[in-house]
Amino acid sequence: MNKTELIEHMAGTADISKAAATRALDALIGAVKITLKKNGSVTLVGFGTFSVIKRAARTGRNPRTGDPIKIKSAKVPKFKPGKGLKDAVN
């Protein structure tokens, strides 16, 4: 499912226009981005938790030459599914 299909599903399920569903989805994504940028976390009970983790610097290899390269540390987004989502999938 891509973003357009998700918007169509939201609009049909919530009985709202596609424009309203688009604004709602964009607002949700924006709120998650802003919170994660501030090193916060977003928990949606029954769905999961979005958070930020710090990945340490490490040494990798250039796949073409095999030479070692240094990979900088970075903050990366993480998603931990909740019990409700796990149960729905299984």
N, C-alpha and C. Protein backbone atom coordinates (compact mmCIF):
# COMPACT_ATOMS: atom_id res chain seq x y z
N MET A 1 0.86 -1.18 0.00
CA MET A 1 0.00 0.00 0.00
C MET A 1 0.90 1.23 0.00
N ASN A 2 0.63 2.15 -0.89
CA ASN A 2 1.39 3.40 -0.92
C ASN A 2 0.55 4.51 -0.28
N LYS A 3 1.09 5.73 -0.29
CA LYS A 3 0.44 6.84 0.39
C LYS A 3 -0.94 7.14 -0.22
N THR A 4 -1.04 7.11 -1.54
CA THR A 4 -2.31 7.40 -2.20
C THR A 4 -3.37 6.38 -1.82
N GLU A 5 -2.99 5.11 -1.81
CA GLU A 5 -3.93 4.06 -1.42
C GLU A 5 -4.35 4.20 0.04
N LEU A 6 -3.40 4.58 0.89
CA LEU A 6 -3.71 4.79 2.30
C LEU A 6 -4.70 5.94 2.47
N ILE A 7 -4.50 7.02 1.74
CA ILE A 7 -5.41 8.17 1.81
C ILE A 7 -6.81 7.75 1.35
N GLU A 8 -6.89 6.97 0.27
CA GLU A 8 -8.20 6.51 -0.21
C GLU A 8 -8.88 5.62 0.83
N HIS A 9 -8.11 4.77 1.48
CA HIS A 9 -8.67 3.90 2.52
C HIS A 9 -9.17 4.72 3.71
N MET A 10 -8.35 5.69 4.13
CA MET A 10 -8.74 6.55 5.25
C MET A 10 -10.02 7.31 4.94
N ALA A 11 -10.09 7.86 3.73
CA ALA A 11 -11.26 8.64 3.33
C ALA A 11 -12.51 7.78 3.33
N GLY A 12 -12.41 6.57 2.80
CA GLY A 12 -13.56 5.68 2.75
C GLY A 12 -13.99 5.19 4.12
N THR A 13 -13.03 4.81 4.95
CA THR A 13 -13.33 4.27 6.27
C THR A 13 -13.88 5.34 7.21
N ALA A 14 -13.30 6.53 7.19
CA ALA A 14 -13.71 7.60 8.11
C ALA A 14 -14.83 8.46 7.53
N ASP A 15 -15.25 8.17 6.29
CA ASP A 15 -16.31 8.93 5.62
C ASP A 15 -15.97 10.42 5.57
N ILE A 16 -14.74 10.71 5.12
CA ILE A 16 -14.29 12.09 4.93
C ILE A 16 -13.77 12.23 3.50
N SER A 17 -13.51 13.45 3.07
CA SER A 17 -13.00 13.66 1.72
C SER A 17 -11.53 13.24 1.64
N LYS A 18 -11.08 13.01 0.40
CA LYS A 18 -9.68 12.66 0.21
C LYS A 18 -8.77 13.81 0.63
N ALA A 19 -9.22 15.03 0.42
CA ALA A 19 -8.43 16.20 0.82
C ALA A 19 -8.26 16.24 2.34
N ALA A 20 -9.33 15.96 3.07
CA ALA A 20 -9.25 15.94 4.53
C ALA A 20 -8.37 14.79 5.00
N ALA A 21 -8.46 13.64 4.36
CA ALA A 21 -7.62 12.49 4.72
C ALA A 21 -6.16 12.80 4.44
N THR A 22 -5.89 13.49 3.34
CA THR A 22 -4.51 13.88 3.01
C THR A 22 -3.95 14.81 4.07
N ARG A 23 -4.76 15.81 4.47
CA ARG A 23 -4.30 16.75 5.51
C ARG A 23 -4.07 16.03 6.83
N ALA A 24 -4.93 15.09 7.17
CA ALA A 24 -4.79 14.35 8.43
C ALA A 24 -3.52 13.50 8.41
N LEU A 25 -3.28 12.80 7.30
CA LEU A 25 -2.08 11.97 7.21
C LEU A 25 -0.81 12.81 7.23
N ASP A 26 -0.82 13.92 6.49
CA ASP A 26 0.34 14.82 6.49
C ASP A 26 0.59 15.40 7.89
N ALA A 27 -0.48 15.71 8.61
CA ALA A 27 -0.33 16.24 9.98
C ALA A 27 0.28 15.18 10.90
N LEU A 28 -0.17 13.94 10.76
CA LEU A 28 0.38 12.86 11.58
C LEU A 28 1.86 12.65 11.29
N ILE A 29 2.21 12.57 10.01
CA ILE A 29 3.61 12.37 9.62
C ILE A 29 4.46 13.54 10.10
N GLY A 30 3.95 14.76 9.96
CA GLY A 30 4.68 15.95 10.41
C GLY A 30 4.91 15.94 11.91
N ALA A 31 3.89 15.55 12.67
CA ALA A 31 4.02 15.51 14.13
C ALA A 31 5.06 14.47 14.55
N VAL A 32 5.07 13.32 13.89
CA VAL A 32 6.05 12.27 14.21
C VAL A 32 7.46 12.78 13.90
N LYS A 33 7.64 13.42 12.74
CA LYS A 33 8.96 13.94 12.36
C LYS A 33 9.47 14.96 13.36
N ILE A 34 8.61 15.91 13.73
CA ILE A 34 9.01 16.97 14.67
C ILE A 34 9.40 16.37 16.02
N THR A 35 8.61 15.42 16.50
CA THR A 35 8.89 14.80 17.79
C THR A 35 10.20 14.02 17.76
N LEU A 36 10.42 13.26 16.69
CA LEU A 36 11.66 12.48 16.59
C LEU A 36 12.87 13.39 16.43
N LYS A 37 12.69 14.52 15.75
CA LYS A 37 13.79 15.46 15.59
C LYS A 37 14.24 16.01 16.94
N LYS A 38 13.30 16.11 17.89
CA LYS A 38 13.59 16.60 19.24
C LYS A 38 14.01 15.44 20.17
N ASN A 39 14.33 14.27 19.59
CA ASN A 39 14.73 13.07 20.33
C ASN A 39 13.62 12.53 21.22
N GLY A 40 12.38 12.82 20.88
CA GLY A 40 11.25 12.29 21.62
C GLY A 40 10.81 10.96 21.03
N SER A 41 9.69 10.46 21.52
CA SER A 41 9.12 9.24 20.96
C SER A 41 7.62 9.42 20.85
N VAL A 42 7.02 8.69 19.91
CA VAL A 42 5.58 8.74 19.68
C VAL A 42 5.03 7.34 19.88
N THR A 43 4.13 7.19 20.85
CA THR A 43 3.53 5.89 21.13
C THR A 43 2.07 5.91 20.74
N LEU A 44 1.69 4.99 19.88
CA LEU A 44 0.30 4.79 19.49
C LEU A 44 -0.12 3.44 20.06
N VAL A 45 -0.90 3.47 21.14
CA VAL A 45 -1.26 2.26 21.86
C VAL A 45 -1.95 1.29 20.91
N GLY A 46 -1.48 0.06 20.91
CA GLY A 46 -2.02 -0.98 20.05
C GLY A 46 -1.36 -1.03 18.69
N PHE A 47 -0.59 0.01 18.34
CA PHE A 47 0.08 0.04 17.03
C PHE A 47 1.58 -0.09 17.19
N GLY A 48 2.20 0.83 17.94
CA GLY A 48 3.64 0.76 18.15
C GLY A 48 4.22 2.08 18.60
N THR A 49 5.56 2.09 18.68
CA THR A 49 6.28 3.26 19.15
C THR A 49 7.36 3.65 18.16
N PHE A 50 7.36 4.93 17.78
CA PHE A 50 8.43 5.49 16.96
C PHE A 50 9.42 6.15 17.91
N SER A 51 10.71 5.91 17.73
CA SER A 51 11.71 6.53 18.58
C SER A 51 12.99 6.75 17.77
N VAL A 52 13.98 7.36 18.41
CA VAL A 52 15.27 7.62 17.77
C VAL A 52 16.34 6.90 18.57
N ILE A 53 17.23 6.21 17.87
CA ILE A 53 18.37 5.59 18.54
C ILE A 53 19.65 6.15 17.93
N LYS A 54 20.74 6.10 18.68
CA LYS A 54 22.02 6.56 18.19
C LYS A 54 22.83 5.35 17.76
N ARG A 55 23.22 5.34 16.50
CA ARG A 55 24.05 4.25 15.99
C ARG A 55 25.51 4.70 16.09
N ALA A 56 26.35 3.89 16.69
CA ALA A 56 27.74 4.23 16.93
C ALA A 56 28.54 4.25 15.62
N ALA A 57 29.65 4.99 15.65
CA ALA A 57 30.55 5.00 14.51
C ALA A 57 31.16 3.60 14.37
N ARG A 58 31.43 3.21 13.13
CA ARG A 58 31.97 1.88 12.91
C ARG A 58 32.81 1.87 11.64
N THR A 59 33.52 0.79 11.45
CA THR A 59 34.32 0.61 10.24
C THR A 59 33.59 -0.34 9.31
N GLY A 60 33.46 0.08 8.07
CA GLY A 60 32.82 -0.77 7.06
C GLY A 60 33.79 -1.06 5.94
N ARG A 61 33.30 -1.66 4.88
CA ARG A 61 34.13 -1.97 3.72
C ARG A 61 33.49 -1.44 2.46
N ASN A 62 34.33 -0.89 1.59
CA ASN A 62 33.87 -0.48 0.28
C ASN A 62 33.60 -1.75 -0.52
N PRO A 63 32.37 -1.98 -1.00
CA PRO A 63 32.06 -3.24 -1.68
C PRO A 63 32.83 -3.45 -2.99
N ARG A 64 33.24 -2.36 -3.63
CA ARG A 64 33.98 -2.51 -4.90
C ARG A 64 35.44 -2.86 -4.69
N THR A 65 36.07 -2.15 -3.74
CA THR A 65 37.52 -2.32 -3.57
C THR A 65 37.89 -3.15 -2.35
N GLY A 66 36.99 -3.27 -1.40
CA GLY A 66 37.29 -4.00 -0.18
C GLY A 66 38.06 -3.17 0.83
N ASP A 67 38.35 -1.92 0.50
CA ASP A 67 39.08 -1.05 1.42
C ASP A 67 38.20 -0.70 2.62
N PRO A 68 38.78 -0.62 3.81
CA PRO A 68 38.00 -0.22 4.98
C PRO A 68 37.64 1.27 4.90
N ILE A 69 36.44 1.61 5.34
CA ILE A 69 36.01 3.01 5.38
C ILE A 69 35.40 3.28 6.75
N LYS A 70 35.46 4.52 7.18
CA LYS A 70 34.89 4.91 8.46
C LYS A 70 33.47 5.39 8.22
N ILE A 71 32.53 4.86 9.00
CA ILE A 71 31.14 5.27 8.93
C ILE A 71 30.84 6.07 10.19
N LYS A 72 30.37 7.31 10.01
CA LYS A 72 30.12 8.20 11.15
C LYS A 72 28.94 7.69 11.99
N SER A 73 28.92 8.13 13.24
CA SER A 73 27.76 7.83 14.08
C SER A 73 26.57 8.62 13.55
N ALA A 74 25.38 8.10 13.81
CA ALA A 74 24.18 8.75 13.30
C ALA A 74 22.99 8.46 14.19
N LYS A 75 22.02 9.37 14.17
CA LYS A 75 20.75 9.11 14.83
C LYS A 75 19.82 8.53 13.77
N VAL A 76 19.16 7.42 14.09
CA VAL A 76 18.28 6.77 13.12
C VAL A 76 16.91 6.51 13.76
N PRO A 77 15.85 6.64 12.95
CA PRO A 77 14.52 6.35 13.48
C PRO A 77 14.33 4.85 13.67
N LYS A 78 13.51 4.49 14.66
CA LYS A 78 13.25 3.09 14.97
C LYS A 78 11.75 2.95 15.23
N PHE A 79 11.20 1.81 14.83
CA PHE A 79 9.79 1.52 15.11
C PHE A 79 9.71 0.18 15.82
N LYS A 80 9.02 0.18 16.95
CA LYS A 80 8.80 -1.06 17.69
C LYS A 80 7.31 -1.34 17.66
N PRO A 81 6.90 -2.42 16.99
CA PRO A 81 5.46 -2.71 16.90
C PRO A 81 4.87 -3.05 18.26
N GLY A 82 3.62 -2.65 18.46
CA GLY A 82 2.91 -2.94 19.70
C GLY A 82 2.23 -4.30 19.64
N LYS A 83 1.69 -4.73 20.75
CA LYS A 83 1.06 -6.04 20.85
C LYS A 83 -0.12 -6.18 19.90
N GLY A 84 -0.94 -5.15 19.79
CA GLY A 84 -2.10 -5.19 18.90
C GLY A 84 -1.70 -5.41 17.44
N LEU A 85 -0.64 -4.75 17.00
CA LEU A 85 -0.16 -4.90 15.62
C LEU A 85 0.42 -6.30 15.42
N LYS A 86 1.20 -6.76 16.40
CA LYS A 86 1.78 -8.12 16.29
C LYS A 86 0.68 -9.17 16.21
N ASP A 87 -0.34 -9.03 17.05
CA ASP A 87 -1.45 -9.99 17.06
C ASP A 87 -2.21 -9.95 15.74
N ALA A 88 -2.40 -8.77 15.16
CA ALA A 88 -3.12 -8.63 13.90
C ALA A 88 -2.37 -9.31 12.76
N VAL A 89 -1.04 -9.22 12.79
CA VAL A 89 -0.23 -9.81 11.72
C VAL A 89 -0.17 -11.33 11.86
N ASN A 90 -0.12 -11.81 13.09
CA ASN A 90 -0.05 -13.25 13.31
C ASN A 90 -1.44 -13.77 13.46
